[in-house]
Amino acid sequence: MAGRYRAYWRTLPTAVSALAAADFRSNFRRQGVRTSKSAVDKWKPRQGGKDPGRALLISSGRLRRGIRPAPLGSVARVINTVPYAAIHNRGGSMRGQMRAASTNLRTRLQRLRRSGHAAQMPARPFMVTTDPLIDEVRAHIMEGLNKVFNVPSS
C-alpha cells in the first residue's frame, strides 16, 4: 500500500499540470476566465471594433499552443513558451512597437522603425488559478487516493 501511495504522489504533479493546462487552453474557447461552474469573466473587447469576427488572443493560435504542462519535482506547473504571453496575461505598457517606415513598391517589403509611443495592453488573463480549477484538482486527488486505499466510490 505504501508503494502505491508513493507512486501516486510521484505522478500527481504531472496529472495536475495537465489538468491546469487543459483549463487554460479552454479559456481561449470561452473568451474569458471561468469564475464558477457556469459563469465566465469575459475579456475586454478590442478597441475600435477592429476585426469583429475573430476571437480575442487568437490570430495564429501560437499563444494557445504555447501552454505546456511543466511539473518540477513535486510541484505542478504550467508554462507558456511564447515571449508575448506575459503581456497578454497581465496587461501593461509595451514600448517600442514596430511600425512601417517605408515600403518598396516593387518588392512590397517594408522597412520597420520603432514607434515613440508606448501602447497600453489590457489584461486578458488566460493562465489563472480559479476556484473551479481548484475544485477539479481536489476531486482528482480524492479520486486517486480512493483508488490507492481501495475506498469504494459513493
Protein backbone atom coordinates (compact mmCIF):
# COMPACT_ATOMS: atom_id res chain seq x y z
CA MET A 1 0.00 0.00 0.00
CA ALA A 2 2.82 2.40 0.84
CA GLY A 3 4.38 1.73 -2.56
CA ARG A 4 1.14 2.55 -4.38
CA TYR A 5 0.81 5.75 -2.30
CA ARG A 6 4.35 6.88 -3.18
CA ALA A 7 3.83 6.03 -6.85
CA TYR A 8 0.59 8.03 -6.87
CA TRP A 9 2.26 11.10 -5.33
CA ARG A 10 5.10 10.88 -7.88
CA THR A 11 2.63 11.02 -10.79
CA LEU A 12 0.32 13.62 -9.24
CA PRO A 13 2.21 16.81 -10.33
CA THR A 14 2.14 15.62 -13.95
CA ALA A 15 -1.61 14.94 -13.83
CA VAL A 16 -2.43 18.24 -12.10
CA SER A 17 -0.26 20.18 -14.56
CA ALA A 18 -2.13 18.54 -17.44
CA LEU A 19 -5.50 19.41 -15.84
CA ALA A 20 -4.48 23.05 -15.42
CA ALA A 21 -3.05 23.30 -18.95
CA ALA A 22 -6.31 21.96 -20.41
CA ASP A 23 -8.30 24.51 -18.38
CA PHE A 24 -6.03 27.36 -19.51
CA ARG A 25 -6.42 26.30 -23.17
CA SER A 26 -10.20 26.20 -22.80
CA ASN A 27 -10.12 29.86 -21.67
CA PHE A 28 -9.44 30.73 -25.31
CA ARG A 29 -12.65 28.96 -26.37
CA ARG A 30 -14.60 30.67 -23.57
CA GLN A 31 -13.01 34.06 -24.42
CA GLY A 32 -12.57 34.69 -20.70
CA VAL A 33 -11.84 33.04 -17.35
CA ARG A 34 -14.24 30.68 -15.63
CA THR A 35 -15.22 32.07 -12.22
CA SER A 36 -17.72 29.37 -11.28
CA LYS A 37 -19.16 26.24 -12.91
CA SER A 38 -21.35 28.31 -15.24
CA ALA A 39 -20.06 31.92 -15.03
CA VAL A 40 -17.28 33.31 -17.23
CA ASP A 41 -15.50 36.63 -16.70
CA LYS A 42 -15.16 37.78 -20.33
CA TRP A 43 -12.04 39.54 -21.63
CA LYS A 44 -12.08 43.21 -22.61
CA PRO A 45 -13.01 43.57 -26.32
CA ARG A 46 -10.70 45.04 -28.95
CA GLN A 47 -10.55 48.81 -29.35
CA GLY A 48 -12.46 50.40 -32.18
CA GLY A 49 -14.35 47.24 -33.16
CA LYS A 50 -11.44 46.04 -35.32
CA ASP A 51 -11.71 42.51 -36.71
CA PRO A 52 -15.06 41.76 -35.01
CA GLY A 53 -15.41 38.17 -36.28
CA ARG A 54 -12.09 36.90 -34.89
CA ALA A 55 -11.73 35.60 -31.35
CA LEU A 56 -9.57 37.56 -28.90
CA LEU A 57 -5.92 36.47 -28.46
CA ILE A 58 -6.22 34.10 -31.42
CA SER A 59 -4.64 35.03 -34.71
CA SER A 60 -2.39 32.09 -35.49
CA GLY A 61 -3.10 30.02 -32.36
CA ARG A 62 0.53 30.24 -31.22
CA LEU A 63 -0.34 31.69 -27.79
CA ARG A 64 -2.76 28.84 -27.05
CA ARG A 65 -0.35 26.19 -28.39
CA GLY A 66 2.45 27.62 -26.20
CA ILE A 67 0.73 26.43 -23.00
CA ARG A 68 2.67 23.43 -21.69
CA PRO A 69 2.46 21.35 -18.51
CA ALA A 70 5.88 21.52 -16.84
CA PRO A 71 5.89 19.73 -13.47
CA LEU A 72 9.04 20.29 -11.45
CA GLY A 73 9.68 17.69 -8.77
CA SER A 74 6.64 17.69 -6.52
CA VAL A 75 5.27 20.98 -7.90
CA ALA A 76 2.64 21.16 -10.63
CA ARG A 77 3.50 23.96 -13.07
CA VAL A 78 2.20 25.23 -16.38
CA ILE A 79 4.37 27.44 -18.57
CA ASN A 80 3.87 29.36 -21.81
CA THR A 81 6.80 29.32 -24.22
CA VAL A 82 5.62 32.34 -26.24
CA PRO A 83 7.56 35.56 -25.47
CA TYR A 84 4.49 37.83 -25.55
CA ALA A 85 2.35 35.62 -23.28
CA ALA A 86 3.10 37.62 -20.12
CA ILE A 87 1.97 40.98 -21.52
CA HIS A 88 -1.31 39.48 -22.71
CA ASN A 89 -1.91 37.63 -19.45
CA ARG A 90 -1.03 40.50 -17.07
CA GLY A 91 -1.52 43.56 -19.24
CA GLY A 92 0.71 46.62 -19.08
CA SER A 93 2.63 49.05 -21.20
CA MET A 94 4.52 47.98 -24.33
CA ARG A 95 7.29 50.25 -25.52
CA GLY A 96 8.82 50.23 -28.96
CA GLN A 97 6.19 48.73 -31.22
CA MET A 98 7.36 48.28 -34.79
CA ARG A 99 5.77 50.47 -37.47
CA ALA A 100 6.34 50.65 -41.22
CA ALA A 101 8.69 53.49 -42.12
CA SER A 102 8.58 52.91 -45.87
CA THR A 103 7.51 50.28 -48.37
CA ASN A 104 9.36 49.24 -51.51
CA LEU A 105 6.67 49.33 -54.19
CA ARG A 106 8.37 46.75 -56.41
CA THR A 107 9.07 44.07 -53.77
CA ARG A 108 6.38 45.09 -51.24
CA LEU A 109 8.94 44.76 -48.44
CA GLN A 110 8.61 47.17 -45.53
CA ARG A 111 11.39 48.87 -43.61
CA LEU A 112 10.41 48.98 -39.96
CA ARG A 113 11.20 51.51 -37.22
CA ARG A 114 10.28 51.73 -33.57
CA SER A 115 7.42 53.99 -32.62
CA GLY A 116 8.00 56.55 -29.89
CA HIS A 117 4.78 55.97 -28.00
CA ALA A 118 4.03 53.20 -25.54
CA ALA A 119 0.92 51.13 -26.15
CA GLN A 120 -1.34 50.03 -23.28
CA MET A 121 -2.27 46.34 -23.41
CA PRO A 122 -5.33 45.40 -21.33
CA ALA A 123 -5.01 42.35 -19.09
CA ARG A 124 -6.71 39.33 -20.63
CA PRO A 125 -5.76 36.62 -18.14
CA PHE A 126 -5.80 33.14 -19.60
CA MET A 127 -3.45 31.40 -17.15
CA VAL A 128 -5.28 31.94 -13.86
CA THR A 129 -5.88 29.53 -10.99
CA THR A 130 -9.62 29.78 -10.34
CA ASP A 131 -11.94 28.16 -7.79
CA PRO A 132 -13.43 25.73 -10.37
CA LEU A 133 -9.91 24.60 -11.32
CA ILE A 134 -9.02 24.06 -7.66
CA ASP A 135 -12.24 22.04 -7.23
CA GLU A 136 -11.30 19.86 -10.23
CA VAL A 137 -7.82 19.28 -8.80
CA ARG A 138 -9.26 18.36 -5.39
CA ALA A 139 -11.70 15.92 -6.99
CA HIS A 140 -8.85 14.36 -8.99
CA ILE A 141 -6.72 13.97 -5.86
CA MET A 142 -9.57 12.44 -3.86
CA GLU A 143 -10.40 10.02 -6.69
CA GLY A 144 -6.77 8.91 -6.87
CA LEU A 145 -6.46 8.50 -3.09
CA ASN A 146 -9.66 6.46 -3.04
CA LYS A 147 -8.16 4.14 -5.66
CA VAL A 148 -4.90 3.83 -3.71
CA PHE A 149 -6.66 2.99 -0.44
CA ASN A 150 -9.40 0.88 -2.10
CA VAL A 151 -12.22 3.06 -0.83
CA PRO A 152 -15.46 2.32 -2.67
CA SER A 153 -16.85 5.30 -4.56
CA SER A 154 -20.17 6.61 -3.38
